[in-house]
Amino acid sequence: MPAFGPVSRRELVAVLQRLGFSGPYSGGRHQFMQRGNVSVALPNPHQSDIGRELLARILRQAGVSREEWEQRWFPGIPVDAIRDLLLSIPSRPATVPAN
């Protein structure tokens, strides 16, 4: 599967928008996004990416499964097909012969 985190705040916002969330809106200490009755607080923009643990908490709060999150890389392709494709790729890049 594609790596689960770290992810930039910009990418998090873009994916949540594709999943039907509106915003981000200004809140008290943090901006937030909404989809129906679900409201998700966004981390403040900093220079570093959002780590795996914080990403998992945000997605849990948003009601987004890990599989739904991973689908953002290959929309419309079943998760099992993505997994099989990625497992078929060699773990080491091929070496390029020197000229």
N, C-alpha and C. Protein backbone atom coordinates (compact mmCIF):
# COMPACT_ATOMS: atom_id res chain seq x y z
N MET A 1 0.83 -1.18 0.00
CA MET A 1 0.00 0.00 0.00
C MET A 1 0.88 1.25 0.00
N PRO A 2 0.37 2.34 -0.48
CA PRO A 2 1.13 3.59 -0.37
C PRO A 2 1.38 3.91 1.09
N ALA A 3 2.41 4.64 1.33
CA ALA A 3 2.78 4.98 2.71
C ALA A 3 1.63 5.71 3.40
N PHE A 4 1.38 5.34 4.65
CA PHE A 4 0.35 5.98 5.46
C PHE A 4 1.03 7.01 6.33
N GLY A 5 1.06 8.25 5.85
CA GLY A 5 1.72 9.33 6.57
C GLY A 5 3.22 9.22 6.39
N PRO A 6 3.99 10.20 6.71
CA PRO A 6 3.55 11.56 6.97
C PRO A 6 3.00 12.22 5.71
N VAL A 7 2.17 13.25 5.93
CA VAL A 7 1.50 13.92 4.84
C VAL A 7 1.49 15.42 5.13
N SER A 8 1.52 16.22 4.09
CA SER A 8 1.48 17.67 4.30
C SER A 8 0.07 18.10 4.66
N ARG A 9 -0.04 19.22 5.32
CA ARG A 9 -1.35 19.76 5.69
C ARG A 9 -2.16 20.06 4.44
N ARG A 10 -1.50 20.58 3.42
CA ARG A 10 -2.17 20.91 2.16
C ARG A 10 -2.79 19.67 1.53
N GLU A 11 -2.04 18.55 1.54
CA GLU A 11 -2.57 17.32 0.97
C GLU A 11 -3.73 16.80 1.81
N LEU A 12 -3.64 16.88 3.13
CA LEU A 12 -4.73 16.46 4.01
C LEU A 12 -6.00 17.22 3.67
N VAL A 13 -5.91 18.53 3.55
CA VAL A 13 -7.07 19.37 3.23
C VAL A 13 -7.64 18.98 1.87
N ALA A 14 -6.78 18.79 0.87
CA ALA A 14 -7.24 18.45 -0.48
C ALA A 14 -7.98 17.12 -0.49
N VAL A 15 -7.44 16.12 0.22
CA VAL A 15 -8.09 14.81 0.23
C VAL A 15 -9.41 14.88 0.98
N LEU A 16 -9.46 15.58 2.10
CA LEU A 16 -10.72 15.71 2.82
C LEU A 16 -11.77 16.41 1.96
N GLN A 17 -11.36 17.38 1.18
CA GLN A 17 -12.30 18.05 0.28
C GLN A 17 -12.82 17.07 -0.77
N ARG A 18 -11.94 16.21 -1.32
CA ARG A 18 -12.38 15.21 -2.29
C ARG A 18 -13.33 14.20 -1.66
N LEU A 19 -13.20 14.00 -0.35
CA LEU A 19 -14.08 13.06 0.36
C LEU A 19 -15.37 13.73 0.83
N GLY A 20 -15.61 14.97 0.41
CA GLY A 20 -16.88 15.61 0.71
C GLY A 20 -16.87 16.61 1.85
N PHE A 21 -15.73 16.89 2.43
CA PHE A 21 -15.64 17.88 3.51
C PHE A 21 -15.57 19.27 2.91
N SER A 22 -16.17 20.24 3.58
CA SER A 22 -16.07 21.64 3.16
C SER A 22 -15.18 22.37 4.14
N GLY A 23 -14.62 23.46 3.68
CA GLY A 23 -13.70 24.22 4.51
C GLY A 23 -12.32 24.22 3.88
N PRO A 24 -11.34 24.61 4.61
CA PRO A 24 -11.30 24.83 6.06
C PRO A 24 -11.90 26.18 6.46
N TYR A 25 -12.49 26.17 7.66
CA TYR A 25 -13.08 27.35 8.25
C TYR A 25 -12.27 27.76 9.47
N SER A 26 -12.31 29.05 9.79
CA SER A 26 -11.62 29.53 10.99
C SER A 26 -12.39 29.08 12.22
N GLY A 27 -11.65 28.61 13.20
CA GLY A 27 -12.26 28.18 14.45
C GLY A 27 -11.63 28.94 15.60
N GLY A 28 -11.69 28.36 16.79
CA GLY A 28 -11.07 28.99 17.95
C GLY A 28 -9.56 28.99 17.81
N ARG A 29 -8.93 27.88 18.14
CA ARG A 29 -7.47 27.78 18.04
C ARG A 29 -7.02 27.09 16.76
N HIS A 30 -7.93 26.34 16.14
CA HIS A 30 -7.59 25.58 14.94
C HIS A 30 -8.66 25.79 13.89
N GLN A 31 -8.25 25.68 12.62
CA GLN A 31 -9.23 25.64 11.54
C GLN A 31 -9.90 24.27 11.58
N PHE A 32 -11.07 24.18 10.95
CA PHE A 32 -11.77 22.91 10.92
C PHE A 32 -12.45 22.73 9.57
N MET A 33 -12.84 21.47 9.30
CA MET A 33 -13.58 21.13 8.09
C MET A 33 -14.82 20.37 8.51
N GLN A 34 -15.88 20.43 7.68
CA GLN A 34 -17.13 19.78 8.02
C GLN A 34 -17.67 18.94 6.87
N ARG A 35 -18.34 17.85 7.25
CA ARG A 35 -19.12 17.03 6.32
C ARG A 35 -20.34 16.56 7.10
N GLY A 36 -21.49 17.13 6.79
CA GLY A 36 -22.70 16.81 7.54
C GLY A 36 -22.54 17.28 8.98
N ASN A 37 -22.75 16.37 9.92
CA ASN A 37 -22.61 16.69 11.35
C ASN A 37 -21.20 16.46 11.87
N VAL A 38 -20.29 16.00 11.01
CA VAL A 38 -18.92 15.69 11.44
C VAL A 38 -18.04 16.92 11.24
N SER A 39 -17.35 17.30 12.31
CA SER A 39 -16.43 18.42 12.26
C SER A 39 -15.03 17.91 12.64
N VAL A 40 -14.04 18.25 11.83
CA VAL A 40 -12.67 17.76 12.03
C VAL A 40 -11.74 18.95 12.23
N ALA A 41 -11.04 18.97 13.36
CA ALA A 41 -10.05 20.03 13.62
C ALA A 41 -8.79 19.73 12.83
N LEU A 42 -8.23 20.78 12.24
CA LEU A 42 -6.99 20.64 11.47
C LEU A 42 -5.81 21.14 12.28
N PRO A 43 -4.67 20.49 12.17
CA PRO A 43 -3.48 21.00 12.84
C PRO A 43 -3.08 22.35 12.24
N ASN A 44 -2.50 23.18 13.06
CA ASN A 44 -2.03 24.47 12.58
C ASN A 44 -0.91 24.26 11.58
N PRO A 45 -0.81 25.14 10.58
CA PRO A 45 0.26 24.97 9.58
C PRO A 45 1.63 25.23 10.19
N HIS A 46 2.47 24.24 10.09
CA HIS A 46 3.85 24.35 10.55
C HIS A 46 4.74 23.92 9.40
N GLN A 47 6.00 23.89 9.62
CA GLN A 47 6.90 23.55 8.54
C GLN A 47 7.03 22.05 8.32
N SER A 48 6.67 21.24 9.30
CA SER A 48 6.83 19.80 9.15
C SER A 48 5.51 19.15 8.74
N ASP A 49 5.60 17.92 8.26
CA ASP A 49 4.43 17.17 7.85
C ASP A 49 3.67 16.63 9.05
N ILE A 50 2.45 16.17 8.78
CA ILE A 50 1.61 15.54 9.80
C ILE A 50 2.04 14.08 9.89
N GLY A 51 2.41 13.63 11.07
CA GLY A 51 2.90 12.27 11.27
C GLY A 51 1.79 11.23 11.24
N ARG A 52 2.19 9.97 11.27
CA ARG A 52 1.26 8.84 11.19
C ARG A 52 0.23 8.85 12.31
N GLU A 53 0.67 9.08 13.55
CA GLU A 53 -0.24 9.02 14.69
C GLU A 53 -1.30 10.11 14.62
N LEU A 54 -0.89 11.33 14.33
CA LEU A 54 -1.84 12.43 14.23
C LEU A 54 -2.77 12.23 13.04
N LEU A 55 -2.24 11.75 11.92
CA LEU A 55 -3.07 11.47 10.76
C LEU A 55 -4.13 10.43 11.10
N ALA A 56 -3.75 9.38 11.80
CA ALA A 56 -4.70 8.34 12.20
C ALA A 56 -5.81 8.92 13.08
N ARG A 57 -5.45 9.81 14.02
CA ARG A 57 -6.46 10.43 14.89
C ARG A 57 -7.41 11.32 14.10
N ILE A 58 -6.87 12.08 13.15
CA ILE A 58 -7.70 12.97 12.34
C ILE A 58 -8.67 12.15 11.50
N LEU A 59 -8.18 11.09 10.88
CA LEU A 59 -9.04 10.27 10.03
C LEU A 59 -10.11 9.55 10.86
N ARG A 60 -9.76 9.11 12.06
CA ARG A 60 -10.74 8.48 12.96
C ARG A 60 -11.83 9.48 13.30
N GLN A 61 -11.43 10.72 13.62
CA GLN A 61 -12.38 11.78 13.95
C GLN A 61 -13.28 12.07 12.74
N ALA A 62 -12.72 11.98 11.53
CA ALA A 62 -13.47 12.27 10.31
C ALA A 62 -14.34 11.10 9.86
N GLY A 63 -14.12 9.92 10.44
CA GLY A 63 -14.86 8.74 10.01
C GLY A 63 -14.37 8.20 8.68
N VAL A 64 -13.09 8.41 8.39
CA VAL A 64 -12.48 7.95 7.13
C VAL A 64 -11.60 6.74 7.44
N SER A 65 -11.85 5.63 6.73
CA SER A 65 -11.05 4.43 6.96
C SER A 65 -9.68 4.57 6.30
N ARG A 66 -8.78 3.73 6.75
CA ARG A 66 -7.44 3.75 6.14
C ARG A 66 -7.51 3.38 4.66
N GLU A 67 -8.38 2.40 4.33
CA GLU A 67 -8.52 2.01 2.93
C GLU A 67 -9.07 3.17 2.09
N GLU A 68 -10.04 3.91 2.65
CA GLU A 68 -10.58 5.06 1.93
C GLU A 68 -9.49 6.11 1.72
N TRP A 69 -8.64 6.30 2.72
CA TRP A 69 -7.54 7.26 2.61
C TRP A 69 -6.56 6.81 1.53
N GLU A 70 -6.22 5.51 1.53
CA GLU A 70 -5.25 5.00 0.57
C GLU A 70 -5.79 5.04 -0.86
N GLN A 71 -7.11 5.02 -1.02
CA GLN A 71 -7.71 5.11 -2.35
C GLN A 71 -7.41 6.44 -3.02
N ARG A 72 -7.01 7.45 -2.26
CA ARG A 72 -6.74 8.77 -2.86
C ARG A 72 -5.61 8.69 -3.86
N TRP A 73 -4.74 7.68 -3.73
CA TRP A 73 -3.61 7.54 -4.65
C TRP A 73 -4.05 6.97 -5.99
N PHE A 74 -5.01 6.05 -5.96
CA PHE A 74 -5.48 5.36 -7.16
C PHE A 74 -7.01 5.30 -7.14
N PRO A 75 -7.70 6.44 -7.37
CA PRO A 75 -9.15 6.44 -7.28
C PRO A 75 -9.78 5.47 -8.28
N GLY A 76 -10.77 4.73 -7.83
CA GLY A 76 -11.51 3.81 -8.69
C GLY A 76 -10.90 2.44 -8.83
N ILE A 77 -9.71 2.21 -8.30
CA ILE A 77 -9.06 0.89 -8.40
C ILE A 77 -9.23 0.19 -7.05
N PRO A 78 -9.71 -1.05 -7.04
CA PRO A 78 -9.89 -1.76 -5.77
C PRO A 78 -8.58 -1.86 -4.98
N VAL A 79 -8.71 -1.79 -3.67
CA VAL A 79 -7.54 -1.81 -2.78
C VAL A 79 -6.72 -3.08 -2.97
N ASP A 80 -7.37 -4.24 -3.17
CA ASP A 80 -6.63 -5.49 -3.37
C ASP A 80 -5.77 -5.44 -4.63
N ALA A 81 -6.28 -4.82 -5.68
CA ALA A 81 -5.50 -4.69 -6.92
C ALA A 81 -4.29 -3.79 -6.71
N ILE A 82 -4.47 -2.73 -5.93
CA ILE A 82 -3.35 -1.83 -5.63
C ILE A 82 -2.29 -2.58 -4.83
N ARG A 83 -2.73 -3.35 -3.83
CA ARG A 83 -1.80 -4.11 -2.98
C ARG A 83 -1.00 -5.09 -3.84
N ASP A 84 -1.69 -5.84 -4.73
CA ASP A 84 -1.00 -6.80 -5.59
C ASP A 84 0.01 -6.11 -6.51
N LEU A 85 -0.39 -4.96 -7.06
CA LEU A 85 0.52 -4.21 -7.93
C LEU A 85 1.77 -3.77 -7.18
N LEU A 86 1.57 -3.23 -5.99
CA LEU A 86 2.72 -2.73 -5.23
C LEU A 86 3.62 -3.86 -4.75
N LEU A 87 3.05 -5.02 -4.46
CA LEU A 87 3.87 -6.15 -4.02
C LEU A 87 4.68 -6.74 -5.18
N SER A 88 4.23 -6.49 -6.42
CA SER A 88 4.96 -7.02 -7.57
C SER A 88 6.16 -6.15 -7.96
N ILE A 89 6.26 -4.96 -7.39
CA ILE A 89 7.37 -4.06 -7.71
C ILE A 89 8.60 -4.48 -6.91
N PRO A 90 9.76 -4.63 -7.55
CA PRO A 90 10.97 -5.01 -6.82
C PRO A 90 11.28 -3.98 -5.71
N SER A 91 11.81 -4.46 -4.60
CA SER A 91 12.08 -3.57 -3.49
C SER A 91 13.30 -2.69 -3.72
N ARG A 92 14.20 -3.10 -4.59
CA ARG A 92 15.38 -2.31 -4.89
C ARG A 92 15.29 -1.77 -6.31
N PRO A 93 15.63 -0.52 -6.50
CA PRO A 93 15.63 -0.01 -7.89
C PRO A 93 16.75 -0.67 -8.69
N ALA A 94 16.49 -0.83 -9.96
CA ALA A 94 17.51 -1.41 -10.83
C ALA A 94 18.68 -0.45 -10.92
N THR A 95 19.88 -1.00 -10.98
CA THR A 95 21.05 -0.15 -11.11
C THR A 95 21.26 0.22 -12.56
N VAL A 96 21.70 1.41 -12.77
CA VAL A 96 21.95 1.90 -14.12
C VAL A 96 23.43 1.70 -14.42
N PRO A 97 23.75 1.02 -15.54
CA PRO A 97 25.18 0.83 -15.84
C PRO A 97 25.87 2.15 -16.14
N ALA A 98 27.09 2.26 -15.71
CA ALA A 98 27.87 3.49 -15.95
C ALA A 98 28.29 3.54 -17.41
N ASN A 99 28.30 4.70 -17.97
CA ASN A 99 28.71 4.87 -19.36
C ASN A 99 30.19 5.13 -19.47
